[in-house]
Each structure stands twice: as structure tokens, then as C-alpha cells.
Amino acid sequence: MVHIEDLGSQFDAPLDLVWKFIQSPDDHGESHTGRRNIDGAPDPSGGMRVSWEQDVQGQWVKVVNHVTTFPPIAMMVHSIEGPLAGSKFIFYYSPNGAKTGVSAIGEFDSKMIPHGQLHSVVMASFEQAFNEDNAALRKLAAKK
């Protein structure tokens, strides 16, 4: 396991819009590149089970996450299947006027990614997801 903290990023949208975005499969699910066959359904144990196929170095890999949201504070993710299976992490959000602070903290594991590369792979994934989400949020904020 590798403990990772990515603190202090800010979305260019207010907190209420960030949560509308997170909870909209059409907006949030479509904001990420390299994903296909996105599906989500309530999980019998609570929360949502979200799955998709992810392009990982030219190969499609199935990813399944159990996601529990605590609007407007946090989203907890337990990776069940895929490159980060066994990982558990939290995104937490803080209002900052027209912006929203977002930080991520978790314990990451992988049977596919060498231990020495895990930190850099997770951070690169977080950066890509943040950039794609922030671009989508800017478009949504402009529509308001």
C-alpha cells in the first residue's frame, strides 16, 4: 500500500455546481477521455457501483468502483476491479466562493502497477481527471 495525498486543488465552479456535476452521469461520466461502456447502479450494500472500460496503454481494462457520496463534503471510492483494485480513497470538497477546493487522500494498491511507480501513476491519473472535470465544469458554469 502507498499512502497518497493530493491537497489544495480548486475547481473553477462553486460547490453546488460541482455536486450537480458529480451526480450527473451525462455530465460527469462523459467528461473523461479513454473510457467507454460507463455504467452505474445502486449497490445493495449502499452507495453506487460504477464500472467502465479504461484505455490503459492501448488495452481496454475493466474498472469497477464502489462509490459513496456525502454531499456536499466528500466522495469515498473503493476500487474493486482494475489497475487500482484494493485501493480506498476520499475526495473532499470545500467551498471557496466561485471556486471549490478539492483534495484527495487514500491508500493505494495494485497488482498491475509496480509499487515503485504507483505514486506517479496515481498522481498522473488524478491530474488528468482534475483537468477534464475542471474543463467540463467551466462549460457548465458558463451556461448558468
N, C-alpha and C. Protein backbone atom coordinates (compact mmCIF):
# COMPACT_ATOMS: atom_id res chain seq x y z
N MET A 1 0.84 -1.18 0.00
CA MET A 1 0.00 0.00 0.00
C MET A 1 0.88 1.24 0.00
N VAL A 2 0.40 2.24 -0.72
CA VAL A 2 1.08 3.53 -0.77
C VAL A 2 0.09 4.60 -0.34
N HIS A 3 0.45 5.38 0.65
CA HIS A 3 -0.39 6.49 1.10
C HIS A 3 -0.11 7.69 0.21
N ILE A 4 -1.18 8.28 -0.34
CA ILE A 4 -1.03 9.42 -1.23
C ILE A 4 -1.99 10.51 -0.80
N GLU A 5 -1.48 11.74 -0.78
CA GLU A 5 -2.30 12.92 -0.51
C GLU A 5 -2.07 13.91 -1.64
N ASP A 6 -3.14 14.38 -2.23
CA ASP A 6 -3.10 15.40 -3.27
C ASP A 6 -4.01 16.53 -2.77
N LEU A 7 -3.40 17.55 -2.20
CA LEU A 7 -4.15 18.56 -1.47
C LEU A 7 -4.16 19.91 -2.19
N GLY A 8 -5.27 20.64 -2.05
CA GLY A 8 -5.30 22.05 -2.40
C GLY A 8 -5.65 22.44 -3.81
N SER A 9 -6.13 21.54 -4.64
CA SER A 9 -6.56 21.93 -5.98
C SER A 9 -7.89 22.68 -5.86
N GLN A 10 -8.24 23.45 -6.91
CA GLN A 10 -9.51 24.17 -6.91
C GLN A 10 -10.20 24.07 -8.25
N PHE A 11 -11.45 23.64 -8.22
CA PHE A 11 -12.28 23.67 -9.41
C PHE A 11 -12.75 25.10 -9.65
N ASP A 12 -12.93 25.45 -10.92
CA ASP A 12 -13.41 26.77 -11.30
C ASP A 12 -14.93 26.80 -11.35
N ALA A 13 -15.55 26.36 -10.27
CA ALA A 13 -17.01 26.33 -10.16
C ALA A 13 -17.38 26.29 -8.68
N PRO A 14 -18.54 26.84 -8.33
CA PRO A 14 -18.97 26.79 -6.94
C PRO A 14 -19.38 25.38 -6.52
N LEU A 15 -19.40 25.15 -5.21
CA LEU A 15 -19.65 23.83 -4.65
C LEU A 15 -20.96 23.21 -5.13
N ASP A 16 -22.05 23.99 -5.21
CA ASP A 16 -23.33 23.40 -5.62
C ASP A 16 -23.26 22.87 -7.06
N LEU A 17 -22.54 23.57 -7.94
CA LEU A 17 -22.40 23.10 -9.32
C LEU A 17 -21.51 21.87 -9.39
N VAL A 18 -20.47 21.82 -8.56
CA VAL A 18 -19.59 20.63 -8.52
C VAL A 18 -20.41 19.40 -8.16
N TRP A 19 -21.30 19.51 -7.16
CA TRP A 19 -22.11 18.35 -6.76
C TRP A 19 -23.15 17.98 -7.81
N LYS A 20 -23.73 18.95 -8.48
CA LYS A 20 -24.65 18.63 -9.58
C LYS A 20 -23.91 17.85 -10.66
N PHE A 21 -22.70 18.27 -10.95
CA PHE A 21 -21.84 17.62 -11.95
C PHE A 21 -21.49 16.18 -11.52
N ILE A 22 -21.06 16.01 -10.27
CA ILE A 22 -20.67 14.69 -9.78
C ILE A 22 -21.84 13.71 -9.88
N GLN A 23 -23.04 14.19 -9.60
CA GLN A 23 -24.21 13.32 -9.55
C GLN A 23 -24.92 13.17 -10.89
N SER A 24 -24.36 13.77 -11.95
CA SER A 24 -24.97 13.66 -13.28
C SER A 24 -24.15 12.72 -14.16
N PRO A 25 -24.65 11.52 -14.42
CA PRO A 25 -23.91 10.59 -15.28
C PRO A 25 -23.64 11.18 -16.67
N ASP A 26 -24.57 11.98 -17.19
CA ASP A 26 -24.36 12.55 -18.52
C ASP A 26 -23.21 13.54 -18.53
N ASP A 27 -23.12 14.38 -17.51
CA ASP A 27 -22.05 15.38 -17.46
C ASP A 27 -20.73 14.77 -16.99
N HIS A 28 -20.76 14.15 -15.81
CA HIS A 28 -19.52 13.65 -15.21
C HIS A 28 -18.97 12.43 -15.94
N GLY A 29 -19.82 11.49 -16.27
CA GLY A 29 -19.36 10.27 -16.93
C GLY A 29 -18.75 10.52 -18.29
N GLU A 30 -19.25 11.53 -18.98
CA GLU A 30 -18.77 11.82 -20.33
C GLU A 30 -17.57 12.77 -20.34
N SER A 31 -17.16 13.29 -19.19
CA SER A 31 -16.08 14.28 -19.17
C SER A 31 -14.69 13.65 -19.30
N HIS A 32 -14.59 12.34 -19.11
CA HIS A 32 -13.28 11.69 -19.10
C HIS A 32 -12.98 10.98 -20.42
N THR A 33 -11.78 11.21 -20.94
CA THR A 33 -11.34 10.54 -22.16
C THR A 33 -10.80 9.15 -21.81
N GLY A 34 -10.75 8.30 -22.82
CA GLY A 34 -10.18 6.97 -22.61
C GLY A 34 -11.08 6.04 -21.83
N ARG A 35 -12.37 6.36 -21.76
CA ARG A 35 -13.34 5.49 -21.08
C ARG A 35 -14.46 5.15 -22.04
N ARG A 36 -14.99 3.95 -21.89
CA ARG A 36 -16.15 3.55 -22.68
C ARG A 36 -17.00 2.60 -21.84
N ASN A 37 -18.24 2.39 -22.29
CA ASN A 37 -19.17 1.47 -21.63
C ASN A 37 -19.34 1.79 -20.14
N ILE A 38 -19.58 3.06 -19.85
CA ILE A 38 -19.76 3.51 -18.47
C ILE A 38 -21.14 3.08 -17.99
N ASP A 39 -21.18 2.52 -16.78
CA ASP A 39 -22.44 2.05 -16.22
C ASP A 39 -22.41 2.27 -14.71
N GLY A 40 -23.56 2.61 -14.16
CA GLY A 40 -23.66 2.79 -12.71
C GLY A 40 -25.00 2.29 -12.22
N ALA A 41 -24.99 1.72 -11.04
CA ALA A 41 -26.23 1.21 -10.45
C ALA A 41 -26.08 1.23 -8.93
N PRO A 42 -27.20 1.35 -8.22
CA PRO A 42 -27.13 1.27 -6.76
C PRO A 42 -26.51 -0.07 -6.33
N ASP A 43 -25.68 0.00 -5.31
CA ASP A 43 -25.07 -1.21 -4.77
C ASP A 43 -25.93 -1.69 -3.60
N PRO A 44 -26.19 -3.00 -3.48
CA PRO A 44 -27.03 -3.50 -2.39
C PRO A 44 -26.52 -3.09 -1.00
N SER A 45 -25.21 -2.87 -0.86
CA SER A 45 -24.65 -2.50 0.44
C SER A 45 -24.70 -1.00 0.67
N GLY A 46 -25.26 -0.26 -0.27
CA GLY A 46 -25.32 1.20 -0.18
C GLY A 46 -24.36 1.81 -1.17
N GLY A 47 -24.56 3.08 -1.48
CA GLY A 47 -23.70 3.74 -2.45
C GLY A 47 -24.01 3.27 -3.87
N MET A 48 -23.06 3.48 -4.74
CA MET A 48 -23.19 3.12 -6.16
C MET A 48 -22.03 2.23 -6.57
N ARG A 49 -22.32 1.34 -7.49
CA ARG A 49 -21.28 0.55 -8.14
C ARG A 49 -21.16 1.11 -9.54
N VAL A 50 -19.99 1.64 -9.86
CA VAL A 50 -19.74 2.28 -11.14
C VAL A 50 -18.66 1.49 -11.88
N SER A 51 -18.95 1.19 -13.16
CA SER A 51 -17.97 0.43 -13.94
C SER A 51 -17.77 1.07 -15.30
N TRP A 52 -16.64 0.78 -15.90
CA TRP A 52 -16.33 1.24 -17.25
C TRP A 52 -15.12 0.47 -17.74
N GLU A 53 -14.83 0.64 -19.01
CA GLU A 53 -13.59 0.11 -19.57
C GLU A 53 -12.67 1.31 -19.76
N GLN A 54 -11.41 1.15 -19.33
CA GLN A 54 -10.42 2.22 -19.37
C GLN A 54 -9.30 1.83 -20.32
N ASP A 55 -8.92 2.76 -21.17
CA ASP A 55 -7.77 2.56 -22.06
C ASP A 55 -6.50 2.71 -21.23
N VAL A 56 -5.79 1.61 -21.02
CA VAL A 56 -4.55 1.60 -20.28
C VAL A 56 -3.45 1.15 -21.24
N GLN A 57 -2.67 2.11 -21.71
CA GLN A 57 -1.57 1.85 -22.64
C GLN A 57 -2.02 1.02 -23.84
N GLY A 58 -3.17 1.43 -24.41
CA GLY A 58 -3.66 0.80 -25.63
C GLY A 58 -4.51 -0.45 -25.44
N GLN A 59 -4.73 -0.86 -24.19
CA GLN A 59 -5.56 -2.03 -23.93
C GLN A 59 -6.73 -1.61 -23.05
N TRP A 60 -7.91 -2.16 -23.34
CA TRP A 60 -9.11 -1.86 -22.56
C TRP A 60 -9.15 -2.75 -21.34
N VAL A 61 -9.23 -2.12 -20.16
CA VAL A 61 -9.24 -2.81 -18.88
C VAL A 61 -10.53 -2.43 -18.14
N LYS A 62 -11.21 -3.42 -17.60
CA LYS A 62 -12.44 -3.15 -16.84
C LYS A 62 -12.09 -2.58 -15.47
N VAL A 63 -12.83 -1.54 -15.10
CA VAL A 63 -12.67 -0.90 -13.80
C VAL A 63 -14.03 -0.93 -13.11
N VAL A 64 -14.04 -1.31 -11.84
CA VAL A 64 -15.28 -1.28 -11.05
C VAL A 64 -14.94 -0.61 -9.72
N ASN A 65 -15.73 0.41 -9.38
CA ASN A 65 -15.55 1.12 -8.12
C ASN A 65 -16.86 1.14 -7.34
N HIS A 66 -16.75 1.04 -6.04
CA HIS A 66 -17.88 1.29 -5.15
C HIS A 66 -17.71 2.73 -4.67
N VAL A 67 -18.72 3.56 -4.93
CA VAL A 67 -18.64 4.98 -4.63
C VAL A 67 -19.76 5.36 -3.67
N THR A 68 -19.38 6.04 -2.61
CA THR A 68 -20.35 6.56 -1.65
C THR A 68 -20.15 8.06 -1.57
N THR A 69 -21.24 8.81 -1.75
CA THR A 69 -21.13 10.27 -1.69
C THR A 69 -21.74 10.79 -0.39
N PHE A 70 -21.15 11.87 0.08
CA PHE A 70 -21.60 12.57 1.27
C PHE A 70 -21.70 14.06 0.93
N PRO A 71 -22.69 14.40 0.06
CA PRO A 71 -22.80 15.80 -0.37
C PRO A 71 -23.04 16.72 0.83
N PRO A 72 -22.47 17.86 0.85
CA PRO A 72 -21.54 18.44 -0.11
C PRO A 72 -20.09 18.31 0.33
N ILE A 73 -19.78 17.30 1.14
CA ILE A 73 -18.47 17.23 1.78
C ILE A 73 -17.48 16.32 1.07
N ALA A 74 -17.88 15.08 0.74
CA ALA A 74 -16.89 14.11 0.30
C ALA A 74 -17.49 13.01 -0.57
N MET A 75 -16.59 12.33 -1.27
CA MET A 75 -16.92 11.15 -2.05
C MET A 75 -15.86 10.10 -1.72
N MET A 76 -16.32 8.92 -1.29
CA MET A 76 -15.42 7.84 -0.94
C MET A 76 -15.44 6.79 -2.04
N VAL A 77 -14.27 6.32 -2.44
CA VAL A 77 -14.15 5.36 -3.53
C VAL A 77 -13.37 4.13 -3.03
N HIS A 78 -13.93 2.95 -3.31
CA HIS A 78 -13.23 1.69 -3.06
C HIS A 78 -13.11 1.00 -4.41
N SER A 79 -11.89 0.86 -4.89
CA SER A 79 -11.66 0.22 -6.18
C SER A 79 -11.74 -1.29 -6.01
N ILE A 80 -12.68 -1.89 -6.73
CA ILE A 80 -12.95 -3.32 -6.60
C ILE A 80 -12.26 -4.12 -7.69
N GLU A 81 -12.21 -3.56 -8.89
CA GLU A 81 -11.63 -4.28 -10.03
C GLU A 81 -10.89 -3.27 -10.90
N GLY A 82 -9.76 -3.69 -11.46
CA GLY A 82 -8.99 -2.83 -12.34
C GLY A 82 -7.59 -2.61 -11.81
N PRO A 83 -6.86 -1.67 -12.42
CA PRO A 83 -5.46 -1.45 -12.04
C PRO A 83 -5.26 -1.06 -10.58
N LEU A 84 -6.24 -0.43 -9.95
CA LEU A 84 -6.10 0.01 -8.56
C LEU A 84 -6.96 -0.80 -7.59
N ALA A 85 -7.34 -2.02 -7.97
CA ALA A 85 -8.17 -2.86 -7.11
C ALA A 85 -7.57 -2.97 -5.71
N GLY A 86 -8.42 -2.77 -4.72
CA GLY A 86 -7.98 -2.81 -3.32
C GLY A 86 -7.70 -1.43 -2.75
N SER A 87 -7.62 -0.43 -3.60
CA SER A 87 -7.35 0.93 -3.14
C SER A 87 -8.61 1.56 -2.56
N LYS A 88 -8.41 2.44 -1.59
CA LYS A 88 -9.51 3.19 -0.97
C LYS A 88 -9.06 4.63 -0.85
N PHE A 89 -9.92 5.54 -1.31
CA PHE A 89 -9.55 6.95 -1.25
C PHE A 89 -10.78 7.84 -1.15
N ILE A 90 -10.54 9.05 -0.70
CA ILE A 90 -11.59 10.02 -0.49
C ILE A 90 -11.24 11.31 -1.22
N PHE A 91 -12.24 11.89 -1.87
CA PHE A 91 -12.14 13.25 -2.39
C PHE A 91 -12.99 14.10 -1.45
N TYR A 92 -12.42 15.18 -0.93
CA TYR A 92 -13.25 16.06 -0.12
C TYR A 92 -13.22 17.46 -0.69
N TYR A 93 -14.33 18.16 -0.49
CA TYR A 93 -14.61 19.42 -1.16
C TYR A 93 -14.86 20.52 -0.15
N SER A 94 -14.38 21.72 -0.46
CA SER A 94 -14.62 22.86 0.42
C SER A 94 -15.00 24.07 -0.42
N PRO A 95 -16.05 24.79 0.00
CA PRO A 95 -16.49 25.95 -0.76
C PRO A 95 -15.48 27.08 -0.66
N ASN A 96 -15.32 27.79 -1.76
CA ASN A 96 -14.43 28.95 -1.80
C ASN A 96 -15.01 29.96 -2.79
N GLY A 97 -16.19 30.45 -2.48
CA GLY A 97 -16.86 31.42 -3.35
C GLY A 97 -17.23 30.80 -4.68
N ALA A 98 -16.70 31.37 -5.77
CA ALA A 98 -16.97 30.88 -7.12
C ALA A 98 -16.13 29.65 -7.46
N LYS A 99 -15.29 29.22 -6.56
CA LYS A 99 -14.44 28.04 -6.76
C LYS A 99 -14.75 27.00 -5.69
N THR A 100 -14.22 25.80 -5.88
CA THR A 100 -14.39 24.72 -4.90
C THR A 100 -13.05 24.03 -4.71
N GLY A 101 -12.59 24.00 -3.46
CA GLY A 101 -11.37 23.25 -3.16
C GLY A 101 -11.64 21.77 -3.23
N VAL A 102 -10.67 21.02 -3.77
CA VAL A 102 -10.80 19.56 -3.83
C VAL A 102 -9.45 18.94 -3.46
N SER A 103 -9.50 17.97 -2.57
CA SER A 103 -8.31 17.25 -2.14
C SER A 103 -8.61 15.76 -2.15
N ALA A 104 -7.57 14.97 -2.32
CA ALA A 104 -7.72 13.52 -2.34
C ALA A 104 -6.71 12.90 -1.37
N ILE A 105 -7.17 11.93 -0.61
CA ILE A 105 -6.31 11.20 0.32
C ILE A 105 -6.69 9.73 0.24
N GLY A 106 -5.69 8.86 0.20
CA GLY A 106 -6.03 7.45 0.17
C GLY A 106 -4.86 6.52 0.34
N GLU A 107 -5.21 5.26 0.39
CA GLU A 107 -4.26 4.15 0.43
C GLU A 107 -4.42 3.38 -0.88
N PHE A 108 -3.36 3.29 -1.64
CA PHE A 108 -3.42 2.73 -2.98
C PHE A 108 -2.61 1.45 -3.07
N ASP A 109 -3.18 0.51 -3.84
CA ASP A 109 -2.55 -0.78 -4.05
C ASP A 109 -2.78 -1.16 -5.51
N SER A 110 -1.94 -2.03 -6.03
CA SER A 110 -2.12 -2.50 -7.40
C SER A 110 -1.35 -3.79 -7.62
N LYS A 111 -2.02 -4.70 -8.30
CA LYS A 111 -1.35 -5.92 -8.74
C LYS A 111 -0.81 -5.74 -10.15
N MET A 112 -1.18 -4.62 -10.81
CA MET A 112 -0.79 -4.36 -12.20
C MET A 112 0.34 -3.33 -12.32
N ILE A 113 0.41 -2.43 -11.35
CA ILE A 113 1.38 -1.34 -11.41
C ILE A 113 2.48 -1.61 -10.38
N PRO A 114 3.75 -1.61 -10.80
CA PRO A 114 4.83 -1.85 -9.83
C PRO A 114 4.79 -0.84 -8.68
N HIS A 115 5.07 -1.32 -7.48
CA HIS A 115 4.99 -0.49 -6.27
C HIS A 115 5.74 0.84 -6.43
N GLY A 116 6.92 0.80 -7.01
CA GLY A 116 7.73 2.00 -7.17
C GLY A 116 7.15 3.02 -8.13
N GLN A 117 6.21 2.61 -8.97
CA GLN A 117 5.59 3.51 -9.94
C GLN A 117 4.19 3.95 -9.53
N LEU A 118 3.67 3.35 -8.48
CA LEU A 118 2.27 3.58 -8.10
C LEU A 118 1.98 5.05 -7.78
N HIS A 119 2.83 5.70 -7.01
CA HIS A 119 2.61 7.10 -6.65
C HIS A 119 2.51 7.97 -7.89
N SER A 120 3.44 7.84 -8.80
CA SER A 120 3.43 8.70 -10.00
C SER A 120 2.25 8.38 -10.92
N VAL A 121 1.86 7.13 -11.02
CA VAL A 121 0.71 6.75 -11.85
C VAL A 121 -0.58 7.32 -11.27
N VAL A 122 -0.77 7.20 -9.96
CA VAL A 122 -1.97 7.73 -9.32
C VAL A 122 -2.02 9.25 -9.46
N MET A 123 -0.91 9.91 -9.23
CA MET A 123 -0.89 11.38 -9.33
C MET A 123 -1.18 11.83 -10.77
N ALA A 124 -0.65 11.12 -11.75
CA ALA A 124 -0.93 11.47 -13.16
C ALA A 124 -2.41 11.25 -13.47
N SER A 125 -3.00 10.17 -12.93
CA SER A 125 -4.42 9.90 -13.12
C SER A 125 -5.27 10.99 -12.48
N PHE A 126 -4.91 11.39 -11.26
CA PHE A 126 -5.63 12.47 -10.58
C PHE A 126 -5.55 13.76 -11.39
N GLU A 127 -4.37 14.07 -11.90
CA GLU A 127 -4.19 15.31 -12.67
C GLU A 127 -5.05 15.30 -13.93
N GLN A 128 -5.04 14.19 -14.64
CA GLN A 128 -5.85 14.09 -15.86
C GLN A 128 -7.34 14.23 -15.54
N ALA A 129 -7.81 13.51 -14.52
CA ALA A 129 -9.22 13.58 -14.14
C ALA A 129 -9.59 14.99 -13.70
N PHE A 130 -8.72 15.64 -12.92
CA PHE A 130 -8.99 17.01 -12.48
C PHE A 130 -9.11 17.94 -13.68
N ASN A 131 -8.16 17.87 -14.59
CA ASN A 131 -8.18 18.76 -15.75
C ASN A 131 -9.43 18.55 -16.61
N GLU A 132 -9.82 17.29 -16.82
CA GLU A 132 -11.02 17.01 -17.61
C GLU A 132 -12.28 17.47 -16.89
N ASP A 133 -12.36 17.21 -15.58
CA ASP A 133 -13.52 17.65 -14.81
C ASP A 133 -13.60 19.17 -14.77
N ASN A 134 -12.47 19.83 -14.56
CA ASN A 134 -12.47 21.28 -14.46
C ASN A 134 -12.89 21.93 -15.79
N ALA A 135 -12.46 21.37 -16.90
CA ALA A 135 -12.88 21.89 -18.21
C ALA A 135 -14.39 21.74 -18.38
N ALA A 136 -14.93 20.59 -17.99
CA ALA A 136 -16.37 20.36 -18.10
C ALA A 136 -17.14 21.28 -17.15
N LEU A 137 -16.61 21.50 -15.96
CA LEU A 137 -17.25 22.40 -15.00
C LEU A 137 -17.27 23.84 -15.50
N ARG A 138 -16.19 24.26 -16.14
CA ARG A 138 -16.15 25.63 -16.71
C ARG A 138 -17.26 25.79 -17.74
N LYS A 139 -17.46 24.77 -18.58
CA LYS A 139 -18.53 24.85 -19.58
C LYS A 139 -19.90 24.92 -18.92
N LEU A 140 -20.12 24.11 -17.89
CA LEU A 140 -21.40 24.14 -17.18
C LEU A 140 -21.60 25.50 -16.49
N ALA A 141 -20.56 26.04 -15.88
CA ALA A 141 -20.67 27.32 -15.20
C ALA A 141 -20.99 28.45 -16.19
N ALA A 142 -20.46 28.35 -17.40
CA ALA A 142 -20.72 29.38 -18.43
C ALA A 142 -22.17 29.35 -18.88
N LYS A 143 -22.83 28.21 -18.78
CA LYS A 143 -24.23 28.08 -19.18
C LYS A 143 -25.19 28.73 -18.18
N LYS A 144 -24.74 28.90 -16.95
CA LYS A 144 -25.61 29.44 -15.88
C LYS A 144 -25.85 30.91 -16.06
